[in-house]
């Protein structure tokens, strides 16, 4: 049984795996999902198809027109644990039907710390 919780965790694990072998992340929306391509030296090293709308939206928000590279990529890579926890908490609050008071914070603020 693949619930939204397990799907989110699996997608976050796949994203984490791609971070270690790349220096650029390219995002492309395809049929309601977000294709994430991790690139190193011009070659695609890892691909993840994100179907969780919350995760897809969060990734798109921290990108620049679908691209995360350079210093932005290093910041994202180093703060990925915090990013993952934030997304899991948002998913939990959404499933519980609660509005988290800090949920409206910009995701860029999350990565600045």
PDB file of N, CA and C in Angstrom:
ATOM      1  N   UNK A   1       0.834  -1.169   0.000  1.00  0.00           N
ATOM      2  CA  UNK A   1       0.000   0.000   0.000  1.00  0.00           C
ATOM      3  C   UNK A   1       0.889   1.245   0.000  1.00  0.00           C
ATOM      4  N   UNK A   2       0.727   2.092  -0.997  1.00  0.00           N
ATOM      5  CA  UNK A   2       1.551   3.287  -1.151  1.00  0.00           C
ATOM      6  C   UNK A   2       0.728   4.518  -0.800  1.00  0.00           C
ATOM      7  N   UNK A   3       0.785   4.932   0.434  1.00  0.00           N
ATOM      8  CA  UNK A   3       0.058   6.115   0.875  1.00  0.00           C
ATOM      9  C   UNK A   3       0.844   7.366   0.518  1.00  0.00           C
ATOM     10  N   UNK A   4       0.226   8.508   0.724  1.00  0.00           N
ATOM     11  CA  UNK A   4       0.909   9.763   0.423  1.00  0.00           C
ATOM     12  C   UNK A   4       2.121   9.956   1.326  1.00  0.00           C
ATOM     13  N   UNK A   5       2.059   9.436   2.555  1.00  0.00           N
ATOM     14  CA  UNK A   5       3.195   9.553   3.474  1.00  0.00           C
ATOM     15  C   UNK A   5       4.384   8.748   2.984  1.00  0.00           C
ATOM     16  N   UNK A   6       4.143   7.508   2.606  1.00  0.00           N
ATOM     17  CA  UNK A   6       5.258   6.676   2.143  1.00  0.00           C
ATOM     18  C   UNK A   6       5.799   7.177   0.810  1.00  0.00           C
ATOM     19  N   UNK A   7       4.920   7.672  -0.049  1.00  0.00           N
ATOM     20  CA  UNK A   7       5.372   8.203  -1.335  1.00  0.00           C
ATOM     21  C   UNK A   7       6.269   9.416  -1.104  1.00  0.00           C
ATOM     22  N   UNK A   8       5.885  10.294  -0.172  1.00  0.00           N
ATOM     23  CA  UNK A   8       6.688  11.470   0.136  1.00  0.00           C
ATOM     24  C   UNK A   8       8.060  11.066   0.662  1.00  0.00           C
ATOM     25  N   UNK A   9       8.101  10.122   1.579  1.00  0.00           N
ATOM     26  CA  UNK A   9       9.375   9.666   2.150  1.00  0.00           C
ATOM     27  C   UNK A   9      10.253   9.041   1.067  1.00  0.00           C
ATOM     28  N   UNK A  10       9.669   8.229   0.198  1.00  0.00           N
ATOM     29  CA  UNK A  10      10.441   7.611  -0.892  1.00  0.00           C
ATOM     30  C   UNK A  10      11.008   8.664  -1.829  1.00  0.00           C
ATOM     31  N   UNK A  11      10.212   9.673  -2.167  1.00  0.00           N
ATOM     32  CA  UNK A  11      10.684  10.716  -3.064  1.00  0.00           C
ATOM     33  C   UNK A  11      11.789  11.551  -2.409  1.00  0.00           C
ATOM     34  N   UNK A  12      11.660  11.824  -1.122  1.00  0.00           N
ATOM     35  CA  UNK A  12      12.721  12.551  -0.420  1.00  0.00           C
ATOM     36  C   UNK A  12      14.018  11.741  -0.370  1.00  0.00           C
ATOM     37  N   UNK A  13      13.912  10.430  -0.181  1.00  0.00           N
ATOM     38  CA  UNK A  13      15.102   9.580  -0.185  1.00  0.00           C
ATOM     39  C   UNK A  13      15.765   9.570  -1.556  1.00  0.00           C
ATOM     40  N   UNK A  14      14.963   9.514  -2.607  1.00  0.00           N
ATOM     41  CA  UNK A  14      15.518   9.548  -3.965  1.00  0.00           C
ATOM     42  C   UNK A  14      16.211  10.885  -4.244  1.00  0.00           C
ATOM     43  N   UNK A  15      15.604  11.976  -3.791  1.00  0.00           N
ATOM     44  CA  UNK A  15      16.222  13.287  -3.962  1.00  0.00           C
ATOM     45  C   UNK A  15      17.540  13.364  -3.202  1.00  0.00           C
ATOM     46  N   UNK A  16      17.558  12.828  -2.004  1.00  0.00           N
ATOM     47  CA  UNK A  16      18.776  12.821  -1.197  1.00  0.00           C
ATOM     48  C   UNK A  16      19.896  12.064  -1.902  1.00  0.00           C
ATOM     49  N   UNK A  17      19.554  10.947  -2.511  1.00  0.00           N
ATOM     50  CA  UNK A  17      20.559  10.152  -3.231  1.00  0.00           C
ATOM     51  C   UNK A  17      21.132  10.932  -4.412  1.00  0.00           C
ATOM     52  N   UNK A  18      20.304  11.696  -5.084  1.00  0.00           N
ATOM     53  CA  UNK A  18      20.772  12.470  -6.229  1.00  0.00           C
ATOM     54  C   UNK A  18      21.660  13.632  -5.852  1.00  0.00           C
ATOM     55  N   UNK A  19      21.477  14.167  -4.666  1.00  0.00           N
ATOM     56  CA  UNK A  19      22.276  15.311  -4.238  1.00  0.00           C
ATOM     57  C   UNK A  19      23.758  14.986  -4.116  1.00  0.00           C
ATOM     58  N   UNK A  20      24.068  13.773  -3.748  1.00  0.00           N
ATOM     59  CA  UNK A  20      25.459  13.401  -3.491  1.00  0.00           C
ATOM     60  C   UNK A  20      26.295  13.225  -4.743  1.00  0.00           C
ATOM     61  N   UNK A  21      25.667  13.065  -5.878  1.00  0.00           N
ATOM     62  CA  UNK A  21      26.435  12.796  -7.093  1.00  0.00           C
ATOM     63  C   UNK A  21      26.214  13.839  -8.179  1.00  0.00           C
ATOM     64  N   UNK A  22      25.890  15.070  -7.781  1.00  0.00           N
ATOM     65  CA  UNK A  22      25.623  16.106  -8.776  1.00  0.00           C
ATOM     66  C   UNK A  22      25.948  17.485  -8.234  1.00  0.00           C
ATOM     67  N   UNK A  23      25.876  18.490  -9.137  1.00  0.00           N
ATOM     68  CA  UNK A  23      26.072  19.868  -8.718  1.00  0.00           C
ATOM     69  C   UNK A  23      25.015  20.815  -9.286  1.00  0.00           C
ATOM     70  N   UNK A  24      24.036  20.262  -9.993  1.00  0.00           N
ATOM     71  CA  UNK A  24      22.941  21.047 -10.563  1.00  0.00           C
ATOM     72  C   UNK A  24      21.674  20.216 -10.543  1.00  0.00           C
ATOM     73  N   UNK A  25      20.543  20.873 -10.284  1.00  0.00           N
ATOM     74  CA  UNK A  25      19.244  20.214 -10.311  1.00  0.00           C
ATOM     75  C   UNK A  25      18.355  20.973 -11.285  1.00  0.00           C
ATOM     76  N   UNK A  26      17.838  20.248 -12.270  1.00  0.00           N
ATOM     77  CA  UNK A  26      16.933  20.810 -13.272  1.00  0.00           C
ATOM     78  C   UNK A  26      15.545  20.229 -13.034  1.00  0.00           C
ATOM     79  N   UNK A  27      14.535  21.107 -12.949  1.00  0.00           N
ATOM     80  CA  UNK A  27      13.159  20.689 -12.713  1.00  0.00           C
ATOM     81  C   UNK A  27      12.330  20.928 -13.963  1.00  0.00           C
ATOM     82  N   UNK A  28      11.462  19.960 -14.284  1.00  0.00           N
ATOM     83  CA  UNK A  28      10.592  20.097 -15.454  1.00  0.00           C
ATOM     84  C   UNK A  28       9.242  19.468 -15.136  1.00  0.00           C
ATOM     85  N   UNK A  29       8.183  20.235 -15.340  1.00  0.00           N
ATOM     86  CA  UNK A  29       6.841  19.721 -15.085  1.00  0.00           C
ATOM     87  C   UNK A  29       6.375  18.896 -16.277  1.00  0.00           C
ATOM     88  N   UNK A  30       5.954  17.659 -15.985  1.00  0.00           N
ATOM     89  CA  UNK A  30       5.474  16.743 -17.027  1.00  0.00           C
ATOM     90  C   UNK A  30       4.231  16.032 -16.518  1.00  0.00           C
ATOM     91  N   UNK A  31       3.107  16.261 -17.166  1.00  0.00           N
ATOM     92  CA  UNK A  31       1.847  15.580 -16.846  1.00  0.00           C
ATOM     93  C   UNK A  31       1.494  15.613 -15.362  1.00  0.00           C
ATOM     94  N   UNK A  32       1.582  16.757 -14.741  1.00  0.00           N
ATOM     95  CA  UNK A  32       1.194  16.902 -13.348  1.00  0.00           C
ATOM     96  C   UNK A  32       2.223  16.445 -12.337  1.00  0.00           C
ATOM     97  N   UNK A  33       3.368  15.972 -12.782  1.00  0.00           N
ATOM     98  CA  UNK A  33       4.437  15.601 -11.853  1.00  0.00           C
ATOM     99  C   UNK A  33       5.672  16.441 -12.193  1.00  0.00           C
ATOM    100  N   UNK A  34       6.656  16.366 -11.344  1.00  0.00           N
ATOM    101  CA  UNK A  34       7.861  17.161 -11.525  1.00  0.00           C
ATOM    102  C   UNK A  34       9.051  16.232 -11.730  1.00  0.00           C
ATOM    103  N   UNK A  35       9.666  16.312 -12.890  1.00  0.00           N
ATOM    104  CA  UNK A  35      10.856  15.516 -13.166  1.00  0.00           C
ATOM    105  C   UNK A  35      12.071  16.289 -12.680  1.00  0.00           C
ATOM    106  N   UNK A  36      12.853  15.654 -11.822  1.00  0.00           N
ATOM    107  CA  UNK A  36      14.047  16.269 -11.250  1.00  0.00           C
ATOM    108  C   UNK A  36      15.267  15.544 -11.819  1.00  0.00           C
ATOM    109  N   UNK A  37      16.097  16.282 -12.509  1.00  0.00           N
ATOM    110  CA  UNK A  37      17.308  15.706 -13.098  1.00  0.00           C
ATOM    111  C   UNK A  37      18.522  16.284 -12.392  1.00  0.00           C
ATOM    112  N   UNK A  38      19.309  15.398 -11.818  1.00  0.00           N
ATOM    113  CA  UNK A  38      20.548  15.795 -11.151  1.00  0.00           C
ATOM    114  C   UNK A  38      21.681  15.670 -12.167  1.00  0.00           C
ATOM    115  N   UNK A  39      22.417  16.749 -12.350  1.00  0.00           N
ATOM    116  CA  UNK A  39      23.433  16.830 -13.398  1.00  0.00           C
ATOM    117  C   UNK A  39      24.801  17.098 -12.784  1.00  0.00           C
ATOM    118  N   UNK A  40      25.810  16.414 -13.337  1.00  0.00           N
ATOM    119  CA  UNK A  40      27.207  16.655 -12.957  1.00  0.00           C
ATOM    120  C   UNK A  40      28.021  16.694 -14.242  1.00  0.00           C
ATOM    121  N   UNK A  41      28.733  17.769 -14.467  1.00  0.00           N
ATOM    122  CA  UNK A  41      29.579  17.950 -15.660  1.00  0.00           C
ATOM    123  C   UNK A  41      28.793  17.741 -16.951  1.00  0.00           C
ATOM    124  N   UNK A  42      27.556  18.220 -16.988  1.00  0.00           N
ATOM    125  CA  UNK A  42      26.750  18.153 -18.204  1.00  0.00           C
ATOM    126  C   UNK A  42      26.042  16.838 -18.445  1.00  0.00           C
ATOM    127  N   UNK A  43      26.237  15.843 -17.583  1.00  0.00           N
ATOM    128  CA  UNK A  43      25.594  14.543 -17.750  1.00  0.00           C
ATOM    129  C   UNK A  43      24.561  14.322 -16.656  1.00  0.00           C
ATOM    130  N   UNK A  44      23.420  13.765 -17.034  1.00  0.00           N
ATOM    131  CA  UNK A  44      22.388  13.430 -16.058  1.00  0.00           C
ATOM    132  C   UNK A  44      22.858  12.225 -15.267  1.00  0.00           C
ATOM    133  N   UNK A  45      22.993  12.415 -13.954  1.00  0.00           N
ATOM    134  CA  UNK A  45      23.487  11.351 -13.089  1.00  0.00           C
ATOM    135  C   UNK A  45      22.371  10.606 -12.368  1.00  0.00           C
ATOM    136  N   UNK A  46      21.237  11.295 -12.148  1.00  0.00           N
ATOM    137  CA  UNK A  46      20.144  10.698 -11.386  1.00  0.00           C
ATOM    138  C   UNK A  46      18.858  11.426 -11.764  1.00  0.00           C
ATOM    139  N   UNK A  47      17.769  10.683 -11.876  1.00  0.00           N
ATOM    140  CA  UNK A  47      16.470  11.270 -12.197  1.00  0.00           C
ATOM    141  C   UNK A  47      15.440  10.807 -11.186  1.00  0.00           C
ATOM    142  N   UNK A  48      14.630  11.746 -10.720  1.00  0.00           N
ATOM    143  CA  UNK A  48      13.569  11.455  -9.762  1.00  0.00           C
ATOM    144  C   UNK A  48      12.286  12.073 -10.295  1.00  0.00           C
ATOM    145  N   UNK A  49      11.209  11.299 -10.274  1.00  0.00           N
ATOM    146  CA  UNK A  49       9.910  11.805 -10.667  1.00  0.00           C
ATOM    147  C   UNK A  49       9.113  12.083  -9.397  1.00  0.00           C
ATOM    148  N   UNK A  50       8.875  13.357  -9.095  1.00  0.00           N
ATOM    149  CA  UNK A  50       8.167  13.766  -7.881  1.00  0.00           C
ATOM    150  C   UNK A  50       6.684  13.909  -8.209  1.00  0.00           C
ATOM    151  N   UNK A  51       5.868  13.103  -7.526  1.00  0.00           N
ATOM    152  CA  UNK A  51       4.424  13.145  -7.750  1.00  0.00           C
ATOM    153  C   UNK A  51       3.676  13.798  -6.596  1.00  0.00           C
ATOM    154  N   UNK A  52       4.315  13.960  -5.457  1.00  0.00           N
ATOM    155  CA  UNK A  52       3.697  14.614  -4.302  1.00  0.00           C
ATOM    156  C   UNK A  52       3.581  16.112  -4.597  1.00  0.00           C
ATOM    157  N   UNK A  53       2.356  16.642  -4.656  1.00  0.00           N
ATOM    158  CA  UNK A  53       2.191  18.060  -5.006  1.00  0.00           C
ATOM    159  C   UNK A  53       2.874  19.016  -4.038  1.00  0.00           C
ATOM    160  N   UNK A  54       2.861  18.702  -2.770  1.00  0.00           N
ATOM    161  CA  UNK A  54       3.493  19.559  -1.768  1.00  0.00           C
ATOM    162  C   UNK A  54       4.997  19.642  -1.990  1.00  0.00           C
ATOM    163  N   UNK A  55       5.629  18.514  -2.235  1.00  0.00           N
ATOM    164  CA  UNK A  55       7.070  18.472  -2.483  1.00  0.00           C
ATOM    165  C   UNK A  55       7.419  19.160  -3.800  1.00  0.00           C
ATOM    166  N   UNK A  56       6.627  18.917  -4.823  1.00  0.00           N
ATOM    167  CA  UNK A  56       6.870  19.536  -6.127  1.00  0.00           C
ATOM    168  C   UNK A  56       6.792  21.062  -6.018  1.00  0.00           C
ATOM    169  N   UNK A  57       5.791  21.548  -5.310  1.00  0.00           N
ATOM    170  CA  UNK A  57       5.630  22.993  -5.137  1.00  0.00           C
ATOM    171  C   UNK A  57       6.814  23.575  -4.369  1.00  0.00           C
ATOM    172  N   UNK A  58       7.235  22.910  -3.307  1.00  0.00           N
ATOM    173  CA  UNK A  58       8.351  23.392  -2.498  1.00  0.00           C
ATOM    174  C   UNK A  58       9.645  23.441  -3.314  1.00  0.00           C
ATOM    175  N   UNK A  59       9.884  22.415  -4.116  1.00  0.00           N
ATOM    176  CA  UNK A  59      11.087  22.403  -4.960  1.00  0.00           C
ATOM    177  C   UNK A  59      11.042  23.543  -5.976  1.00  0.00           C
ATOM    178  N   UNK A  60       9.887  23.741  -6.581  1.00  0.00           N
ATOM    179  CA  UNK A  60       9.763  24.796  -7.590  1.00  0.00           C
ATOM    180  C   UNK A  60       9.974  26.166  -6.953  1.00  0.00           C
ATOM    181  N   UNK A  61       9.504  26.349  -5.722  1.00  0.00           N
ATOM    182  CA  UNK A  61       9.641  27.624  -5.031  1.00  0.00           C
ATOM    183  C   UNK A  61      11.098  27.989  -4.764  1.00  0.00           C
ATOM    184  N   UNK A  62      11.945  27.018  -4.488  1.00  0.00           N
ATOM    185  CA  UNK A  62      13.343  27.348  -4.177  1.00  0.00           C
ATOM    186  C   UNK A  62      14.226  27.389  -5.420  1.00  0.00           C
ATOM    187  N   UNK A  63      13.661  27.043  -6.570  1.00  0.00           N
ATOM    188  CA  UNK A  63      14.447  27.072  -7.806  1.00  0.00           C
ATOM    189  C   UNK A  63      14.324  28.439  -8.479  1.00  0.00           C
ATOM    190  N   UNK A  64      15.220  28.670  -9.423  1.00  0.00           N
ATOM    191  CA  UNK A  64      15.145  29.843 -10.289  1.00  0.00           C
ATOM    192  C   UNK A  64      14.724  29.352 -11.656  1.00  0.00           C
ATOM    193  N   UNK A  65      13.453  29.493 -11.962  1.00  0.00           N
ATOM    194  CA  UNK A  65      12.888  29.052 -13.231  1.00  0.00           C
ATOM    195  C   UNK A  65      13.216  27.575 -13.489  1.00  0.00           C
ATOM    196  N   UNK A  66      13.139  26.762 -12.441  1.00  0.00           N
ATOM    197  CA  UNK A  66      13.352  25.327 -12.585  1.00  0.00           C
ATOM    198  C   UNK A  66      14.799  24.876 -12.517  1.00  0.00           C
ATOM    199  N   UNK A  67      15.697  25.748 -12.082  1.00  0.00           N
ATOM    200  CA  UNK A  67      17.119  25.392 -12.010  1.00  0.00           C
ATOM    201  C   UNK A  67      17.658  25.737 -10.620  1.00  0.00           C
ATOM    202  N   UNK A  68      18.349  24.774 -10.030  1.00  0.00           N
ATOM    203  CA  UNK A  68      19.066  25.020  -8.777  1.00  0.00           C
ATOM    204  C   UNK A  68      20.523  24.647  -9.042  1.00  0.00           C
ATOM    205  N   UNK A  69      21.404  25.646  -9.021  1.00  0.00           N
ATOM    206  CA  UNK A  69      22.818  25.365  -9.287  1.00  0.00           C
ATOM    207  C   UNK A  69      23.703  26.326  -8.503  1.00  0.00           C
ATOM    208  N   UNK A  70      24.994  26.118  -8.599  1.00  0.00           N
ATOM    209  CA  UNK A  70      25.963  26.985  -7.936  1.00  0.00           C
ATOM    210  C   UNK A  70      25.789  27.020  -6.428  1.00  0.00           C
ATOM    211  N   UNK A  71      25.854  28.227  -5.873  1.00  0.00           N
ATOM    212  CA  UNK A  71      25.715  28.386  -4.427  1.00  0.00           C
ATOM    213  C   UNK A  71      24.341  27.948  -3.939  1.00  0.00           C
ATOM    214  N   UNK A  72      23.304  28.198  -4.737  1.00  0.00           N
ATOM    215  CA  UNK A  72      21.956  27.773  -4.355  1.00  0.00           C
ATOM    216  C   UNK A  72      21.882  26.252  -4.198  1.00  0.00           C
ATOM    217  N   UNK A  73      22.569  25.535  -5.067  1.00  0.00           N
ATOM    218  CA  UNK A  73      22.580  24.075  -4.971  1.00  0.00           C
ATOM    219  C   UNK A  73      23.316  23.627  -3.707  1.00  0.00           C
ATOM    220  N   UNK A  74      24.437  24.264  -3.401  1.00  0.00           N
ATOM    221  CA  UNK A  74      25.195  23.893  -2.206  1.00  0.00           C
ATOM    222  C   UNK A  74      24.389  24.174  -0.934  1.00  0.00           C
ATOM    223  N   UNK A  75      23.688  25.302  -0.919  1.00  0.00           N
ATOM    224  CA  UNK A  75      22.837  25.626   0.236  1.00  0.00           C
ATOM    225  C   UNK A  75      21.725  24.603   0.360  1.00  0.00           C
ATOM    226  N   UNK A  76      21.089  24.258  -0.765  1.00  0.00           N
ATOM    227  CA  UNK A  76      20.005  23.266  -0.757  1.00  0.00           C
ATOM    228  C   UNK A  76      20.532  21.912  -0.289  1.00  0.00           C
ATOM    229  N   UNK A  77      21.686  21.531  -0.787  1.00  0.00           N
ATOM    230  CA  UNK A  77      22.278  20.246  -0.411  1.00  0.00           C
ATOM    231  C   UNK A  77      22.591  20.193   1.086  1.00  0.00           C
ATOM    232  N   UNK A  78      23.167  21.271   1.618  1.00  0.00           N
ATOM    233  CA  UNK A  78      23.546  21.297   3.027  1.00  0.00           C
ATOM    234  C   UNK A  78      22.344  21.421   3.964  1.00  0.00           C
ATOM    235  N   UNK A  79      21.257  21.993   3.479  1.00  0.00           N
ATOM    236  CA  UNK A  79      20.061  22.172   4.311  1.00  0.00           C
ATOM    237  C   UNK A  79      18.962  21.179   3.956  1.00  0.00           C
ATOM    238  N   UNK A  80      19.300  20.118   3.222  1.00  0.00           N
ATOM    239  CA  UNK A  80      18.273  19.192   2.758  1.00  0.00           C
ATOM    240  C   UNK A  80      17.569  18.478   3.912  1.00  0.00           C
ATOM    241  N   UNK A  81      18.277  18.158   4.973  1.00  0.00           N
ATOM    242  CA  UNK A  81      17.648  17.516   6.130  1.00  0.00           C
ATOM    243  C   UNK A  81      16.571  18.399   6.739  1.00  0.00           C
ATOM    244  N   UNK A  82      16.877  19.675   6.880  1.00  0.00           N
ATOM    245  CA  UNK A  82      15.918  20.639   7.411  1.00  0.00           C
ATOM    246  C   UNK A  82      14.745  20.811   6.447  1.00  0.00           C
ATOM    247  N   UNK A  83      15.035  20.870   5.163  1.00  0.00           N
ATOM    248  CA  UNK A  83      14.005  20.974   4.131  1.00  0.00           C
ATOM    249  C   UNK A  83      13.069  19.769   4.200  1.00  0.00           C
ATOM    250  N   UNK A  84      13.629  18.568   4.314  1.00  0.00           N
ATOM    251  CA  UNK A  84      12.832  17.341   4.385  1.00  0.00           C
ATOM    252  C   UNK A  84      11.914  17.340   5.596  1.00  0.00           C
ATOM    253  N   UNK A  85      12.455  17.728   6.727  1.00  0.00           N
ATOM    254  CA  UNK A  85      11.657  17.782   7.945  1.00  0.00           C
ATOM    255  C   UNK A  85      10.508  18.780   7.807  1.00  0.00           C
ATOM    256  N   UNK A  86      10.786  19.910   7.203  1.00  0.00           N
ATOM    257  CA  UNK A  86       9.767  20.938   6.989  1.00  0.00           C
ATOM    258  C   UNK A  86       8.638  20.397   6.091  1.00  0.00           C
ATOM    259  N   UNK A  87       8.993  19.715   5.036  1.00  0.00           N
ATOM    260  CA  UNK A  87       7.997  19.164   4.107  1.00  0.00           C
ATOM    261  C   UNK A  87       7.184  18.067   4.787  1.00  0.00           C
ATOM    262  N   UNK A  88       7.839  17.202   5.552  1.00  0.00           N
ATOM    263  CA  UNK A  88       7.110  16.144   6.273  1.00  0.00           C
ATOM    264  C   UNK A  88       6.123  16.738   7.273  1.00  0.00           C
ATOM    265  N   UNK A  89       6.536  17.801   7.956  1.00  0.00           N
ATOM    266  CA  UNK A  89       5.637  18.454   8.916  1.00  0.00           C
ATOM    267  C   UNK A  89       4.444  19.078   8.206  1.00  0.00           C
ATOM    268  N   UNK A  90       4.686  19.728   7.083  1.00  0.00           N
ATOM    269  CA  UNK A  90       3.574  20.303   6.313  1.00  0.00           C
ATOM    270  C   UNK A  90       2.604  19.221   5.854  1.00  0.00           C
ATOM    271  N   UNK A  91       3.131  18.079   5.413  1.00  0.00           N
ATOM    272  CA  UNK A  91       2.288  16.969   4.974  1.00  0.00           C
ATOM    273  C   UNK A  91       1.443  16.458   6.137  1.00  0.00           C
ATOM    274  N   UNK A  92       2.057  16.319   7.292  1.00  0.00           N
ATOM    275  CA  UNK A  92       1.342  15.842   8.468  1.00  0.00           C
ATOM    276  C   UNK A  92       0.230  16.803   8.867  1.00  0.00           C
ATOM    277  N   UNK A  93       0.541  18.090   8.910  1.00  0.00           N
ATOM    278  CA  UNK A  93      -0.484  19.078   9.244  1.00  0.00           C
ATOM    279  C   UNK A  93      -1.623  19.061   8.220  1.00  0.00           C
ATOM    280  N   UNK A  94      -1.288  18.911   6.949  1.00  0.00           N
ATOM    281  CA  UNK A  94      -2.324  18.855   5.914  1.00  0.00           C
ATOM    282  C   UNK A  94      -3.225  17.641   6.107  1.00  0.00           C
ATOM    283  N   UNK A  95      -2.629  16.501   6.454  1.00  0.00           N
ATOM    284  CA  UNK A  95      -3.418  15.295   6.662  1.00  0.00           C
ATOM    285  C   UNK A  95      -4.281  15.384   7.911  1.00  0.00           C
ATOM    286  N   UNK A  96      -3.804  16.095   8.911  1.00  0.00           N
ATOM    287  CA  UNK A  96      -4.587  16.272  10.128  1.00  0.00           C
ATOM    288  C   UNK A  96      -5.645  17.359   9.975  1.00  0.00           C
ATOM    289  N   UNK A  97      -5.571  18.093   8.883  1.00  0.00           N
ATOM    290  CA  UNK A  97      -6.541  19.145   8.641  1.00  0.00           C
ATOM    291  C   UNK A  97      -6.303  20.383   9.464  1.00  0.00           C
ATOM    292  N   UNK A  98      -5.073  20.566   9.910  1.00  0.00           N
ATOM    293  CA  UNK A  98      -4.723  21.714  10.738  1.00  0.00           C
ATOM    294  C   UNK A  98      -3.917  22.712   9.926  1.00  0.00           C
ATOM    295  N   UNK A  99      -4.030  23.935  10.302  1.00  0.00           N
ATOM    296  CA  UNK A  99      -3.208  24.969   9.683  1.00  0.00           C
ATOM    297  C   UNK A  99      -2.071  25.303  10.637  1.00  0.00           C
ATOM    298  N   UNK A 100      -0.873  25.009  10.228  1.00  0.00           N
ATOM    299  CA  UNK A 100       0.306  25.318  11.048  1.00  0.00           C
ATOM    300  C   UNK A 100       0.566  26.816  10.954  1.00  0.00           C
ATOM    301  N   UNK A 101       0.768  27.498  12.063  1.00  0.00           N
ATOM    302  CA  UNK A 101       0.939  28.951  12.017  1.00  0.00           C
ATOM    303  C   UNK A 101       2.162  29.408  11.227  1.00  0.00           C
ATOM    304  N   UNK A 102       3.194  28.609  11.160  1.00  0.00           N
ATOM    305  CA  UNK A 102       4.399  28.996  10.429  1.00  0.00           C
ATOM    306  C   UNK A 102       4.427  28.442   9.011  1.00  0.00           C
ATOM    307  N   UNK A 103       3.357  27.845   8.545  1.00  0.00           N
ATOM    308  CA  UNK A 103       3.351  27.203   7.235  1.00  0.00           C
ATOM    309  C   UNK A 103       3.458  28.200   6.099  1.00  0.00           C
ATOM    310  N   UNK A 104       3.156  29.465   6.358  1.00  0.00           N
ATOM    311  CA  UNK A 104       3.191  30.453   5.301  1.00  0.00           C
ATOM    312  C   UNK A 104       4.560  31.089   5.111  1.00  0.00           C
ATOM    313  N   UNK A 105       5.541  30.666   5.900  1.00  0.00           N
ATOM    314  CA  UNK A 105       6.888  31.196   5.731  1.00  0.00           C
ATOM    315  C   UNK A 105       7.438  30.806   4.372  1.00  0.00           C
ATOM    316  N   UNK A 106       8.210  31.685   3.798  1.00  0.00           N
ATOM    317  CA  UNK A 106       8.840  31.389   2.526  1.00  0.00           C
ATOM    318  C   UNK A 106       9.865  30.274   2.698  1.00  0.00           C
ATOM    319  N   UNK A 107       9.936  29.372   1.740  1.00  0.00           N
ATOM    320  CA  UNK A 107      10.902  28.283   1.812  1.00  0.00           C
ATOM    321  C   UNK A 107      12.337  28.798   1.723  1.00  0.00           C
ATOM    322  N   UNK A 108      12.523  29.953   1.078  1.00  0.00           N
ATOM    323  CA  UNK A 108      13.868  30.503   1.025  1.00  0.00           C
ATOM    324  C   UNK A 108      14.355  30.855   2.430  1.00  0.00           C
ATOM    325  N   UNK A 109      13.450  31.310   3.293  1.00  0.00           N
ATOM    326  CA  UNK A 109      13.823  31.617   4.667  1.00  0.00           C
ATOM    327  C   UNK A 109      14.282  30.358   5.398  1.00  0.00           C
ATOM    328  N   UNK A 110      13.705  29.227   5.048  1.00  0.00           N
ATOM    329  CA  UNK A 110      14.088  27.962   5.648  1.00  0.00           C
ATOM    330  C   UNK A 110      15.533  27.625   5.312  1.00  0.00           C
ATOM    331  N   UNK A 111      15.942  27.908   4.098  1.00  0.00           N
ATOM    332  CA  UNK A 111      17.274  27.518   3.656  1.00  0.00           C
ATOM    333  C   UNK A 111      18.359  28.541   4.022  1.00  0.00           C
ATOM    334  N   UNK A 112      17.984  29.702   4.490  1.00  0.00           N
ATOM    335  CA  UNK A 112      18.958  30.740   4.780  1.00  0.00           C
ATOM    336  C   UNK A 112      19.734  30.459   6.050  1.00  0.00           C
ATOM    337  N   UNK A 113      19.133  29.791   7.000  1.00  0.00           N
ATOM    338  CA  UNK A 113      19.756  29.579   8.314  1.00  0.00           C
ATOM    339  C   UNK A 113      21.034  28.837   8.266  1.00  0.00           C
TER     340      UNK A 113
END
